[in-house]
Amino acid sequence: MPHLDDHRTDPVLVDSPLSLDQIQAGLAHHEAAHAVVAAVLDVPCTRVRVMRVVREAGAGWTGATSYEDAPVSAYGLALIAAAGEHGELHHLQAAGLLTEATARTACAAHDRDTAISAAAELGFTITVDGQAPADPDQGATWSEVSEEARDLVAGQWPAVNAVAAALLAAPNFTLTGDEVSDIIAAHLH
């Protein structure tokens, strides 16, 4: 399986319109959504975490979800990647924090670009602008992928929310794959 566990290269900086607790909660929901959608597609994760990082531009927060090497379609990889942004947006909406400025903090172009690259390695084309290949087995638009991921996140929100809550309560904001699997199993439908 191509790697989807790269985290944001430009982490959410602490000077975001959100407080530190709100940034951490958004990232926890982002990573939880990746893990839950992966579980729906029978791709177990090995670790989920939110972490502080330091870059030349400053300190910030990011997250990472790692996966077991499991068979999954290129479209499935793209759904897993797209889920993170929708988990974060859903959380912001539910918390009454969704504005144009906070929505920008949830933007996950890194996940989209990683998914497009991983899908291409598998011979599947995902277009951002323009039409997808006529044969749906050969490709899709990012809009199609994103809409389906949004629906999956909304449909599995109790599991996403439970994983995010556990992640925020965990030492070092880190959960093992087994911990995540147990939480998801209790909520997945």
C-alpha atoms as a PDB file:
ATOM      1  CA  MET A   1       0.000   0.000   0.000  1.00  0.00           C
ATOM      2  CA  PRO A   2       1.461   3.422  -0.854  1.00  0.00           C
ATOM      3  CA  HIS A   3       2.150   5.544   2.202  1.00  0.00           C
ATOM      4  CA  LEU A   4      -0.544   7.917   3.430  1.00  0.00           C
ATOM      5  CA  ASP A   5       1.018   8.565   6.810  1.00  0.00           C
ATOM      6  CA  ASP A   6       2.850  11.775   5.951  1.00  0.00           C
ATOM      7  CA  HIS A   7       1.819  14.621   8.202  1.00  0.00           C
ATOM      8  CA  ARG A   8       1.407  18.268   7.316  1.00  0.00           C
ATOM      9  CA  THR A   9       4.617  19.884   6.218  1.00  0.00           C
ATOM     10  CA  ASP A  10       3.195  23.247   7.295  1.00  0.00           C
ATOM     11  CA  PRO A  11       1.709  22.583  10.725  1.00  0.00           C
ATOM     12  CA  VAL A  12      -1.091  24.647  12.191  1.00  0.00           C
ATOM     13  CA  LEU A  13       0.744  27.472  13.862  1.00  0.00           C
ATOM     14  CA  VAL A  14      -0.149  28.588  17.350  1.00  0.00           C
ATOM     15  CA  ASP A  15      -1.087  32.050  15.972  1.00  0.00           C
ATOM     16  CA  SER A  16      -4.126  30.430  14.330  1.00  0.00           C
ATOM     17  CA  PRO A  17      -7.585  31.954  14.928  1.00  0.00           C
ATOM     18  CA  LEU A  18      -8.136  28.973  17.229  1.00  0.00           C
ATOM     19  CA  SER A  19      -6.858  28.454  20.749  1.00  0.00           C
ATOM     20  CA  LEU A  20      -4.284  25.741  21.411  1.00  0.00           C
ATOM     21  CA  ASP A  21      -6.966  23.415  22.835  1.00  0.00           C
ATOM     22  CA  GLN A  22      -9.143  24.026  19.763  1.00  0.00           C
ATOM     23  CA  ILE A  23      -6.215  23.326  17.411  1.00  0.00           C
ATOM     24  CA  GLN A  24      -5.454  20.070  19.217  1.00  0.00           C
ATOM     25  CA  ALA A  25      -9.123  19.032  19.163  1.00  0.00           C
ATOM     26  CA  GLY A  26      -9.386  19.772  15.443  1.00  0.00           C
ATOM     27  CA  LEU A  27      -6.273  17.759  14.695  1.00  0.00           C
ATOM     28  CA  ALA A  28      -7.489  14.887  16.874  1.00  0.00           C
ATOM     29  CA  HIS A  29     -10.722  14.751  14.860  1.00  0.00           C
ATOM     30  CA  HIS A  30      -8.744  15.003  11.620  1.00  0.00           C
ATOM     31  CA  GLU A  31      -6.575  12.003  12.507  1.00  0.00           C
ATOM     32  CA  ALA A  32      -9.501  10.084  14.001  1.00  0.00           C
ATOM     33  CA  ALA A  33     -11.431  10.466  10.745  1.00  0.00           C
ATOM     34  CA  HIS A  34      -8.496   9.005   8.801  1.00  0.00           C
ATOM     35  CA  ALA A  35      -8.402   6.030  11.193  1.00  0.00           C
ATOM     36  CA  VAL A  36     -12.149   5.396  11.186  1.00  0.00           C
ATOM     37  CA  VAL A  37     -12.570   5.560   7.409  1.00  0.00           C
ATOM     38  CA  ALA A  38      -9.537   3.286   7.060  1.00  0.00           C
ATOM     39  CA  ALA A  39     -11.202   0.820   9.452  1.00  0.00           C
ATOM     40  CA  VAL A  40     -14.417   0.940   7.409  1.00  0.00           C
ATOM     41  CA  LEU A  41     -12.282  -0.061   4.416  1.00  0.00           C
ATOM     42  CA  ASP A  42     -10.539  -2.841   6.407  1.00  0.00           C
ATOM     43  CA  VAL A  43      -7.220  -0.997   6.632  1.00  0.00           C
ATOM     44  CA  PRO A  44      -6.132  -1.082  10.288  1.00  0.00           C
ATOM     45  CA  CYS A  45      -4.009   1.719  11.637  1.00  0.00           C
ATOM     46  CA  THR A  46      -0.905   1.119  13.725  1.00  0.00           C
ATOM     47  CA  ARG A  47      -0.691   4.491  15.454  1.00  0.00           C
ATOM     48  CA  VAL A  48      -2.588   7.779  15.646  1.00  0.00           C
ATOM     49  CA  ARG A  49      -1.062  10.888  17.142  1.00  0.00           C
ATOM     50  CA  VAL A  50      -1.143  14.655  17.454  1.00  0.00           C
ATOM     51  CA  MET A  51       2.210  16.306  18.036  1.00  0.00           C
ATOM     52  CA  ARG A  52       4.001  19.594  18.445  1.00  0.00           C
ATOM     53  CA  VAL A  53       6.549  20.325  15.742  1.00  0.00           C
ATOM     54  CA  VAL A  54       9.071  23.054  15.173  1.00  0.00           C
ATOM     55  CA  ARG A  55       9.771  24.344  11.677  1.00  0.00           C
ATOM     56  CA  GLU A  56      11.802  27.277  10.447  1.00  0.00           C
ATOM     57  CA  ALA A  57       8.594  29.350  10.293  1.00  0.00           C
ATOM     58  CA  GLY A  58       7.782  28.580  13.926  1.00  0.00           C
ATOM     59  CA  ALA A  59       6.253  26.027  16.225  1.00  0.00           C
ATOM     60  CA  GLY A  60       2.916  24.415  15.554  1.00  0.00           C
ATOM     61  CA  TRP A  61       0.848  21.270  15.789  1.00  0.00           C
ATOM     62  CA  THR A  62       0.223  18.478  13.337  1.00  0.00           C
ATOM     63  CA  GLY A  63      -0.949  14.876  13.364  1.00  0.00           C
ATOM     64  CA  ALA A  64      -0.094  11.557  11.785  1.00  0.00           C
ATOM     65  CA  THR A  65      -1.887   8.273  11.300  1.00  0.00           C
ATOM     66  CA  SER A  66       0.074   5.185  10.270  1.00  0.00           C
ATOM     67  CA  TYR A  67      -1.480   2.124   8.670  1.00  0.00           C
ATOM     68  CA  GLU A  68      -0.842  -1.569   8.298  1.00  0.00           C
ATOM     69  CA  ASP A  69       0.064  -2.722   4.817  1.00  0.00           C
ATOM     70  CA  ALA A  70      -3.370  -3.925   3.728  1.00  0.00           C
ATOM     71  CA  PRO A  71      -4.924  -4.361   0.300  1.00  0.00           C
ATOM     72  CA  VAL A  72      -7.018  -1.331  -0.607  1.00  0.00           C
ATOM     73  CA  SER A  73      -8.058   0.233  -3.888  1.00  0.00           C
ATOM     74  CA  ALA A  74      -6.656   3.535  -5.108  1.00  0.00           C
ATOM     75  CA  TYR A  75     -10.092   5.049  -4.571  1.00  0.00           C
ATOM     76  CA  GLY A  76     -10.114   3.678  -1.025  1.00  0.00           C
ATOM     77  CA  LEU A  77      -6.724   5.295  -0.362  1.00  0.00           C
ATOM     78  CA  ALA A  78      -8.149   8.589  -1.560  1.00  0.00           C
ATOM     79  CA  LEU A  79     -11.193   8.239   0.717  1.00  0.00           C
ATOM     80  CA  ILE A  80      -8.925   7.657   3.716  1.00  0.00           C
ATOM     81  CA  ALA A  81      -6.872  10.722   2.814  1.00  0.00           C
ATOM     82  CA  ALA A  82      -9.912  12.941   2.231  1.00  0.00           C
ATOM     83  CA  ALA A  83     -11.551  11.927   5.500  1.00  0.00           C
ATOM     84  CA  GLY A  84      -9.184  13.943   7.694  1.00  0.00           C
ATOM     85  CA  GLU A  85     -10.252  17.356   6.457  1.00  0.00           C
ATOM     86  CA  HIS A  86     -13.905  16.390   6.806  1.00  0.00           C
ATOM     87  CA  GLY A  87     -13.361  15.139  10.351  1.00  0.00           C
ATOM     88  CA  GLU A  88     -11.822  18.467  11.286  1.00  0.00           C
ATOM     89  CA  LEU A  89     -14.532  20.485   9.511  1.00  0.00           C
ATOM     90  CA  HIS A  90     -17.300  18.396  11.094  1.00  0.00           C
ATOM     91  CA  HIS A  91     -15.741  18.993  14.512  1.00  0.00           C
ATOM     92  CA  LEU A  92     -15.472  22.754  13.931  1.00  0.00           C
ATOM     93  CA  GLN A  93     -19.122  22.856  12.862  1.00  0.00           C
ATOM     94  CA  ALA A  94     -20.306  20.791  15.849  1.00  0.00           C
ATOM     95  CA  ALA A  95     -18.279  22.968  18.241  1.00  0.00           C
ATOM     96  CA  GLY A  96     -19.712  26.186  16.795  1.00  0.00           C
ATOM     97  CA  LEU A  97     -16.252  27.233  15.588  1.00  0.00           C
ATOM     98  CA  LEU A  98     -16.650  26.979  11.824  1.00  0.00           C
ATOM     99  CA  THR A  99     -15.870  30.263  10.080  1.00  0.00           C
ATOM    100  CA  GLU A 100     -14.103  31.069   6.844  1.00  0.00           C
ATOM    101  CA  ALA A 101     -10.858  31.570   8.791  1.00  0.00           C
ATOM    102  CA  THR A 102     -11.113  28.363  10.819  1.00  0.00           C
ATOM    103  CA  ALA A 103     -12.101  26.356   7.734  1.00  0.00           C
ATOM    104  CA  ARG A 104      -8.766  27.369   6.202  1.00  0.00           C
ATOM    105  CA  THR A 105      -6.962  25.778   9.162  1.00  0.00           C
ATOM    106  CA  ALA A 106      -8.660  22.473   8.299  1.00  0.00           C
ATOM    107  CA  CYS A 107      -7.614  22.601   4.646  1.00  0.00           C
ATOM    108  CA  ALA A 108      -5.732  19.413   3.878  1.00  0.00           C
ATOM    109  CA  ALA A 109      -4.097  19.947   0.495  1.00  0.00           C
ATOM    110  CA  HIS A 110      -1.271  17.725   1.780  1.00  0.00           C
ATOM    111  CA  ASP A 111      -3.700  14.803   2.110  1.00  0.00           C
ATOM    112  CA  ARG A 112      -5.191  15.484  -1.335  1.00  0.00           C
ATOM    113  CA  ASP A 113      -1.754  15.664  -2.972  1.00  0.00           C
ATOM    114  CA  THR A 114      -0.597  12.495  -1.204  1.00  0.00           C
ATOM    115  CA  ALA A 115      -3.755  10.662  -2.317  1.00  0.00           C
ATOM    116  CA  ILE A 116      -3.380  11.790  -5.920  1.00  0.00           C
ATOM    117  CA  SER A 117       0.234  10.625  -5.967  1.00  0.00           C
ATOM    118  CA  ALA A 118      -0.536   7.290  -4.274  1.00  0.00           C
ATOM    119  CA  ALA A 119      -3.450   6.644  -6.648  1.00  0.00           C
ATOM    120  CA  ALA A 120      -1.255   7.409  -9.659  1.00  0.00           C
ATOM    121  CA  GLU A 121       1.252   4.792  -8.449  1.00  0.00           C
ATOM    122  CA  LEU A 122      -1.633   2.317  -8.691  1.00  0.00           C
ATOM    123  CA  GLY A 123      -2.677   3.472 -12.178  1.00  0.00           C
ATOM    124  CA  PHE A 124      -5.710   5.477 -11.001  1.00  0.00           C
ATOM    125  CA  THR A 125      -6.182   9.115 -12.016  1.00  0.00           C
ATOM    126  CA  ILE A 126      -7.678  11.647  -9.624  1.00  0.00           C
ATOM    127  CA  THR A 127      -8.255  15.055 -11.141  1.00  0.00           C
ATOM    128  CA  VAL A 128      -8.577  18.261  -9.150  1.00  0.00           C
ATOM    129  CA  ASP A 129      -9.769  20.357 -12.073  1.00  0.00           C
ATOM    130  CA  GLY A 130     -11.481  18.978 -15.111  1.00  0.00           C
ATOM    131  CA  GLN A 131     -13.128  15.683 -15.809  1.00  0.00           C
ATOM    132  CA  ALA A 132     -12.071  12.284 -14.604  1.00  0.00           C
ATOM    133  CA  PRO A 133     -11.522   9.412 -17.041  1.00  0.00           C
ATOM    134  CA  ALA A 134     -14.768   8.152 -18.555  1.00  0.00           C
ATOM    135  CA  ASP A 135     -14.224   4.723 -16.978  1.00  0.00           C
ATOM    136  CA  PRO A 136     -14.782   4.986 -13.192  1.00  0.00           C
ATOM    137  CA  ASP A 137     -12.334   2.109 -12.699  1.00  0.00           C
ATOM    138  CA  GLN A 138      -9.616   4.344 -14.153  1.00  0.00           C
ATOM    139  CA  GLY A 139     -10.190   7.505 -12.119  1.00  0.00           C
ATOM    140  CA  ALA A 140     -12.364  10.033 -10.335  1.00  0.00           C
ATOM    141  CA  THR A 141     -12.482  13.712  -9.503  1.00  0.00           C
ATOM    142  CA  TRP A 142     -11.276  14.939  -6.131  1.00  0.00           C
ATOM    143  CA  SER A 143     -14.753  16.426  -5.630  1.00  0.00           C
ATOM    144  CA  GLU A 144     -16.301  12.951  -5.931  1.00  0.00           C
ATOM    145  CA  VAL A 145     -13.791  11.485  -3.494  1.00  0.00           C
ATOM    146  CA  SER A 146     -14.234  14.377  -1.060  1.00  0.00           C
ATOM    147  CA  GLU A 147     -18.037  14.192  -1.072  1.00  0.00           C
ATOM    148  CA  GLU A 148     -18.016  10.454  -0.369  1.00  0.00           C
ATOM    149  CA  ALA A 149     -15.432  10.906   2.396  1.00  0.00           C
ATOM    150  CA  ARG A 150     -17.579  13.663   3.943  1.00  0.00           C
ATOM    151  CA  ASP A 151     -20.568  11.303   3.969  1.00  0.00           C
ATOM    152  CA  LEU A 152     -18.507   8.478   5.502  1.00  0.00           C
ATOM    153  CA  VAL A 153     -17.236  10.770   8.259  1.00  0.00           C
ATOM    154  CA  ALA A 154     -20.744  12.037   8.999  1.00  0.00           C
ATOM    155  CA  GLY A 155     -22.111   8.483   9.047  1.00  0.00           C
ATOM    156  CA  GLN A 156     -19.379   7.295  11.404  1.00  0.00           C
ATOM    157  CA  TRP A 157     -19.243  10.434  13.547  1.00  0.00           C
ATOM    158  CA  PRO A 158     -19.713   8.638  16.902  1.00  0.00           C
ATOM    159  CA  ALA A 159     -16.606   6.527  16.182  1.00  0.00           C
ATOM    160  CA  VAL A 160     -14.612   9.536  14.936  1.00  0.00           C
ATOM    161  CA  ASN A 161     -15.578  11.560  18.000  1.00  0.00           C
ATOM    162  CA  ALA A 162     -14.737   8.678  20.377  1.00  0.00           C
ATOM    163  CA  VAL A 163     -11.279   8.145  18.848  1.00  0.00           C
ATOM    164  CA  ALA A 164     -10.601  11.894  18.974  1.00  0.00           C
ATOM    165  CA  ALA A 165     -11.650  12.096  22.645  1.00  0.00           C
ATOM    166  CA  ALA A 166      -9.396   9.165  23.521  1.00  0.00           C
ATOM    167  CA  LEU A 167      -6.528  10.707  21.569  1.00  0.00           C
ATOM    168  CA  LEU A 168      -6.866  14.004  23.448  1.00  0.00           C
ATOM    169  CA  ALA A 169      -6.878  12.129  26.771  1.00  0.00           C
ATOM    170  CA  ALA A 170      -3.950   9.839  25.893  1.00  0.00           C
ATOM    171  CA  PRO A 171      -0.415  10.360  27.133  1.00  0.00           C
ATOM    172  CA  ASN A 172       1.519  12.324  24.506  1.00  0.00           C
ATOM    173  CA  PHE A 173      -1.653  12.474  22.384  1.00  0.00           C
ATOM    174  CA  THR A 174      -0.825   9.018  20.974  1.00  0.00           C
ATOM    175  CA  LEU A 175      -2.916   5.864  20.566  1.00  0.00           C
ATOM    176  CA  THR A 176      -1.767   2.448  19.379  1.00  0.00           C
ATOM    177  CA  GLY A 177      -3.532   0.678  16.570  1.00  0.00           C
ATOM    178  CA  ASP A 178      -5.033  -1.806  19.041  1.00  0.00           C
ATOM    179  CA  GLU A 179      -6.437   1.009  21.182  1.00  0.00           C
ATOM    180  CA  VAL A 180      -7.954   2.650  18.126  1.00  0.00           C
ATOM    181  CA  SER A 181      -9.399  -0.654  16.886  1.00  0.00           C
ATOM    182  CA  ASP A 182     -11.099  -1.275  20.231  1.00  0.00           C
ATOM    183  CA  ILE A 183     -12.667   2.182  20.255  1.00  0.00           C
ATOM    184  CA  ILE A 184     -13.819   1.927  16.652  1.00  0.00           C
ATOM    185  CA  ALA A 185     -15.263  -1.565  17.167  1.00  0.00           C
ATOM    186  CA  ALA A 186     -17.487  -0.221  19.940  1.00  0.00           C
ATOM    187  CA  HIS A 187     -18.917   2.487  17.658  1.00  0.00           C
ATOM    188  CA  LEU A 188     -18.678   1.281  14.062  1.00  0.00           C
ATOM    189  CA  HIS A 189     -21.933   0.629  12.257  1.00  0.00           C
END
